Amino acid sequence: MAFLRLLVMLYIIAVVGVIVLSWFPQRPDTAGWRLFVMLRRITDPVLVPIRRIIPPIGGVLDLSPTILLIVLFALYTVLH
């Protein structure tokens, strides 16, 4: 169970990283951009299906990371 909790916490950190990095403009030739792309590759397989169910509000406000974080924190609590 401890290993699963660790994986869930690492995924939570990845989702938060995507959220924070999305607030700042990134140039494609920077380390920040490479980190953002890597985190998107990790999180998008879960976020994209959520976005299909609940599309961004007004095309701007994406609630899918928030929904995913709620589910992940619930899972983390259940695993504890």
Protein backbone atom coordinates (compact mmCIF):
# COMPACT_ATOMS: atom_id res chain seq x y z
CA MET A 1 0.00 0.00 0.00
CA ALA A 2 2.83 2.40 0.73
CA PHE A 3 4.11 2.03 -2.84
CA LEU A 4 0.66 2.83 -4.28
CA ARG A 5 0.37 5.87 -2.02
CA LEU A 6 3.78 7.02 -3.26
CA LEU A 7 2.69 6.64 -6.90
CA VAL A 8 -0.53 8.57 -6.23
CA MET A 9 1.42 11.36 -4.50
CA LEU A 10 3.91 11.57 -7.38
CA TYR A 11 1.00 11.84 -9.83
CA ILE A 12 -0.54 14.59 -7.69
CA ILE A 13 2.77 16.45 -7.86
CA ALA A 14 2.84 16.01 -11.66
CA VAL A 15 -0.69 17.42 -12.00
CA VAL A 16 0.15 20.39 -9.78
CA GLY A 17 3.31 20.94 -11.83
CA VAL A 18 1.27 21.08 -15.04
CA ILE A 19 -1.13 23.55 -13.43
CA VAL A 20 1.65 25.86 -12.21
CA LEU A 21 3.71 25.70 -15.40
CA SER A 22 0.64 26.42 -17.53
CA TRP A 23 0.35 29.84 -15.87
CA PHE A 24 3.68 31.02 -17.27
CA PRO A 25 4.61 31.48 -20.92
CA GLN A 26 7.30 29.02 -21.94
CA ARG A 27 9.70 29.20 -24.86
CA PRO A 28 10.21 25.85 -26.62
CA ASP A 29 13.99 25.94 -26.20
CA THR A 30 14.03 26.12 -22.39
CA ALA A 31 14.24 23.57 -19.59
CA GLY A 32 10.87 24.78 -18.30
CA TRP A 33 9.26 23.91 -21.62
CA ARG A 34 10.83 20.43 -21.61
CA LEU A 35 9.59 19.85 -18.06
CA PHE A 36 6.11 21.04 -19.03
CA VAL A 37 6.02 18.70 -22.04
CA MET A 38 7.21 15.76 -19.93
CA LEU A 39 4.56 16.40 -17.26
CA ARG A 40 1.87 16.78 -19.94
CA ARG A 41 2.86 13.40 -21.41
CA ILE A 42 2.43 11.87 -17.96
CA THR A 43 -0.87 13.55 -17.06
CA ASP A 44 -2.69 13.97 -20.39
CA PRO A 45 -3.71 10.28 -20.72
CA VAL A 46 -5.91 10.83 -17.65
CA LEU A 47 -6.84 14.47 -18.18
CA VAL A 48 -7.98 14.19 -21.81
CA PRO A 49 -10.89 11.78 -21.06
CA ILE A 50 -12.00 14.07 -18.23
CA ARG A 51 -11.90 17.03 -20.66
CA ARG A 52 -14.14 15.10 -23.06
CA ILE A 53 -16.75 14.73 -20.31
CA ILE A 54 -16.34 18.25 -18.90
CA PRO A 55 -14.93 20.60 -21.56
CA PRO A 56 -13.18 23.82 -20.52
CA ILE A 57 -15.64 26.53 -19.49
CA GLY A 58 -15.67 29.27 -22.12
CA GLY A 59 -12.77 27.49 -23.78
CA VAL A 60 -10.47 28.91 -21.11
CA LEU A 61 -11.18 27.55 -17.61
CA ASP A 62 -10.16 23.88 -17.55
CA LEU A 63 -11.58 22.09 -14.51
CA SER A 64 -10.17 18.67 -15.41
CA PRO A 65 -7.01 19.02 -13.24
CA THR A 66 -9.15 20.03 -10.27
CA ILE A 67 -11.44 17.05 -10.74
CA LEU A 68 -8.45 14.73 -11.12
CA LEU A 69 -6.84 16.15 -7.96
CA ILE A 70 -10.02 15.54 -5.97
CA VAL A 71 -10.11 11.93 -7.17
CA LEU A 72 -6.40 11.42 -6.48
CA PHE A 73 -6.63 12.88 -2.97
CA ALA A 74 -9.63 10.65 -2.26
CA LEU A 75 -7.68 7.64 -3.52
CA TYR A 76 -4.70 8.64 -1.41
CA THR A 77 -6.93 8.87 1.65
CA VAL A 78 -8.47 5.47 0.97
CA LEU A 79 -4.99 3.94 0.59
CA HIS A 80 -3.90 5.45 3.89
